[in-house]
Amino acid sequence: MRYHLKVMSSCMQDIYNRKNYAMMLIVSVFIKILFTLKKTLRCNLMLVNIPAPKDFIQSVFI
C-alpha cells in the first residue's frame, strides 16, 4: 500500500510540475472516489457480518 501511495504522489508531483492542473484535479478526484468506495465496501461488509435490526439498516441506506 505504501508503494502505491509513493507512486501516486510522484505521479501527482509530475503532473504538478507540468502545470497541468486539470489533469491533477481529475487524478485527485479519482483517488478520493477510490478511497470512498473502499470505506463503503468495508462498512457494508461489517453490516453483513453483524446481524442488525432492519430499521437500523434502512436508516443507514436512506
N, C-alpha and C. Protein backbone atom coordinates (compact mmCIF):
# COMPACT_ATOMS: atom_id res chain seq x y z
N MET A 1 0.84 -1.20 0.00
CA MET A 1 0.00 0.00 0.00
C MET A 1 0.87 1.25 0.00
N ARG A 2 1.92 1.21 0.79
CA ARG A 2 2.81 2.37 0.87
C ARG A 2 3.44 2.66 -0.49
N TYR A 3 3.79 1.57 -1.21
CA TYR A 3 4.38 1.71 -2.54
C TYR A 3 3.42 2.42 -3.49
N HIS A 4 2.13 2.03 -3.44
CA HIS A 4 1.13 2.64 -4.31
C HIS A 4 0.99 4.12 -4.01
N LEU A 5 1.01 4.48 -2.72
CA LEU A 5 0.91 5.89 -2.35
C LEU A 5 2.11 6.67 -2.87
N LYS A 6 3.29 6.05 -2.79
CA LYS A 6 4.51 6.69 -3.30
C LYS A 6 4.39 6.95 -4.79
N VAL A 7 3.92 5.95 -5.52
CA VAL A 7 3.76 6.07 -6.97
C VAL A 7 2.75 7.16 -7.30
N MET A 8 1.63 7.18 -6.56
CA MET A 8 0.60 8.19 -6.80
C MET A 8 1.14 9.59 -6.53
N SER A 9 1.89 9.74 -5.43
CA SER A 9 2.40 11.07 -5.10
C SER A 9 3.42 11.53 -6.13
N SER A 10 4.25 10.62 -6.63
CA SER A 10 5.23 11.01 -7.66
C SER A 10 4.51 11.37 -8.95
N CYS A 11 3.43 10.65 -9.23
CA CYS A 11 2.62 10.95 -10.42
C CYS A 11 2.00 12.34 -10.28
N MET A 12 1.46 12.64 -9.10
CA MET A 12 0.88 13.96 -8.83
C MET A 12 1.93 15.05 -8.97
N GLN A 13 3.12 14.78 -8.44
CA GLN A 13 4.21 15.75 -8.50
C GLN A 13 4.59 16.03 -9.95
N ASP A 14 4.64 14.99 -10.75
CA ASP A 14 4.97 15.12 -12.17
C ASP A 14 3.93 15.99 -12.88
N ILE A 15 2.66 15.71 -12.62
CA ILE A 15 1.57 16.48 -13.24
C ILE A 15 1.66 17.94 -12.78
N TYR A 16 1.94 18.14 -11.49
CA TYR A 16 2.03 19.50 -10.94
C TYR A 16 3.19 20.26 -11.58
N ASN A 17 4.31 19.59 -11.78
CA ASN A 17 5.48 20.23 -12.39
C ASN A 17 5.18 20.68 -13.82
N ARG A 18 4.32 19.94 -14.49
CA ARG A 18 3.96 20.32 -15.86
C ARG A 18 2.87 21.38 -15.89
N LYS A 19 2.39 21.78 -14.71
CA LYS A 19 1.33 22.79 -14.57
C LYS A 19 0.03 22.35 -15.27
N ASN A 20 -0.21 21.06 -15.24
CA ASN A 20 -1.43 20.53 -15.85
C ASN A 20 -2.47 20.36 -14.73
N TYR A 21 -3.11 21.46 -14.35
CA TYR A 21 -3.98 21.45 -13.18
C TYR A 21 -5.26 20.66 -13.41
N ALA A 22 -5.77 20.66 -14.64
CA ALA A 22 -7.00 19.91 -14.92
C ALA A 22 -6.76 18.42 -14.69
N MET A 23 -5.63 17.93 -15.19
CA MET A 23 -5.30 16.51 -15.01
C MET A 23 -5.11 16.19 -13.54
N MET A 24 -4.47 17.11 -12.81
CA MET A 24 -4.23 16.91 -11.38
C MET A 24 -5.56 16.79 -10.64
N LEU A 25 -6.51 17.63 -11.01
CA LEU A 25 -7.84 17.60 -10.39
C LEU A 25 -8.51 16.26 -10.65
N ILE A 26 -8.44 15.79 -11.89
CA ILE A 26 -9.05 14.51 -12.25
C ILE A 26 -8.42 13.37 -11.44
N VAL A 27 -7.09 13.38 -11.35
CA VAL A 27 -6.39 12.32 -10.61
C VAL A 27 -6.79 12.34 -9.14
N SER A 28 -6.83 13.54 -8.53
CA SER A 28 -7.16 13.63 -7.11
C SER A 28 -8.60 13.19 -6.85
N VAL A 29 -9.51 13.56 -7.74
CA VAL A 29 -10.91 13.15 -7.59
C VAL A 29 -11.02 11.63 -7.71
N PHE A 30 -10.28 11.06 -8.66
CA PHE A 30 -10.27 9.61 -8.87
C PHE A 30 -9.79 8.89 -7.61
N ILE A 31 -8.71 9.42 -7.00
CA ILE A 31 -8.16 8.82 -5.78
C ILE A 31 -9.19 8.91 -4.65
N LYS A 32 -9.85 10.07 -4.53
CA LYS A 32 -10.87 10.25 -3.48
C LYS A 32 -12.00 9.25 -3.65
N ILE A 33 -12.45 9.07 -4.90
CA ILE A 33 -13.54 8.12 -5.18
C ILE A 33 -13.12 6.71 -4.79
N LEU A 34 -11.87 6.34 -5.13
CA LEU A 34 -11.38 5.01 -4.78
C LEU A 34 -11.42 4.78 -3.27
N PHE A 35 -10.91 5.77 -2.50
CA PHE A 35 -10.88 5.61 -1.05
C PHE A 35 -12.29 5.56 -0.47
N THR A 36 -13.21 6.38 -1.02
CA THR A 36 -14.59 6.38 -0.55
C THR A 36 -15.24 5.02 -0.79
N LEU A 37 -15.02 4.47 -1.99
CA LEU A 37 -15.58 3.16 -2.32
C LEU A 37 -15.04 2.09 -1.37
N LYS A 38 -13.75 2.19 -1.07
CA LYS A 38 -13.12 1.23 -0.17
C LYS A 38 -13.79 1.27 1.21
N LYS A 39 -14.01 2.49 1.73
CA LYS A 39 -14.65 2.66 3.04
C LYS A 39 -16.07 2.12 3.02
N THR A 40 -16.81 2.45 1.94
CA THR A 40 -18.20 2.00 1.83
C THR A 40 -18.27 0.48 1.81
N LEU A 41 -17.39 -0.13 1.03
CA LEU A 41 -17.37 -1.60 0.96
C LEU A 41 -17.09 -2.20 2.32
N ARG A 42 -16.15 -1.61 3.05
CA ARG A 42 -15.80 -2.12 4.37
C ARG A 42 -17.01 -2.02 5.31
N CYS A 43 -17.72 -0.90 5.26
CA CYS A 43 -18.90 -0.71 6.12
C CYS A 43 -19.98 -1.72 5.77
N ASN A 44 -20.19 -1.93 4.46
CA ASN A 44 -21.21 -2.89 4.03
C ASN A 44 -20.87 -4.30 4.50
N LEU A 45 -19.60 -4.65 4.42
CA LEU A 45 -19.17 -5.97 4.88
C LEU A 45 -19.42 -6.12 6.38
N MET A 46 -19.16 -5.06 7.13
CA MET A 46 -19.40 -5.10 8.58
C MET A 46 -20.88 -5.30 8.86
N LEU A 47 -21.73 -4.60 8.09
CA LEU A 47 -23.17 -4.73 8.28
C LEU A 47 -23.64 -6.15 7.97
N VAL A 48 -23.05 -6.75 6.94
CA VAL A 48 -23.43 -8.11 6.57
C VAL A 48 -23.01 -9.10 7.66
N ASN A 49 -21.82 -8.89 8.22
CA ASN A 49 -21.30 -9.82 9.23
C ASN A 49 -22.03 -9.71 10.56
N ILE A 50 -22.44 -8.49 10.92
CA ILE A 50 -23.08 -8.28 12.22
C ILE A 50 -24.60 -8.25 12.02
N PRO A 51 -25.34 -9.17 12.63
CA PRO A 51 -26.80 -9.12 12.49
C PRO A 51 -27.34 -7.87 13.19
N ALA A 52 -28.03 -7.02 12.43
CA ALA A 52 -28.54 -5.76 12.97
C ALA A 52 -30.04 -5.67 12.71
N PRO A 53 -30.75 -4.87 13.51
CA PRO A 53 -32.19 -4.69 13.29
C PRO A 53 -32.47 -4.08 11.92
N LYS A 54 -33.61 -4.44 11.32
CA LYS A 54 -33.93 -3.98 9.97
C LYS A 54 -34.04 -2.46 9.90
N ASP A 55 -34.65 -1.83 10.90
CA ASP A 55 -34.83 -0.38 10.85
C ASP A 55 -33.49 0.36 10.90
N PHE A 56 -32.50 -0.22 11.57
CA PHE A 56 -31.16 0.38 11.61
C PHE A 56 -30.53 0.35 10.22
N ILE A 57 -30.64 -0.80 9.55
CA ILE A 57 -30.07 -0.94 8.20
C ILE A 57 -30.77 0.00 7.24
N GLN A 58 -32.10 0.12 7.35
CA GLN A 58 -32.84 1.03 6.47
C GLN A 58 -32.41 2.48 6.71
N SER A 59 -32.19 2.87 7.96
CA SER A 59 -31.78 4.25 8.25
C SER A 59 -30.39 4.53 7.69
N VAL A 60 -29.53 3.51 7.63
CA VAL A 60 -28.18 3.70 7.09
C VAL A 60 -28.25 3.91 5.58
N PHE A 61 -29.12 3.18 4.89
CA PHE A 61 -29.15 3.24 3.43
C PHE A 61 -30.02 4.36 2.88
N ILE A 62 -30.78 5.05 3.73
CA ILE A 62 -31.64 6.15 3.23
C ILE A 62 -30.83 7.43 3.16
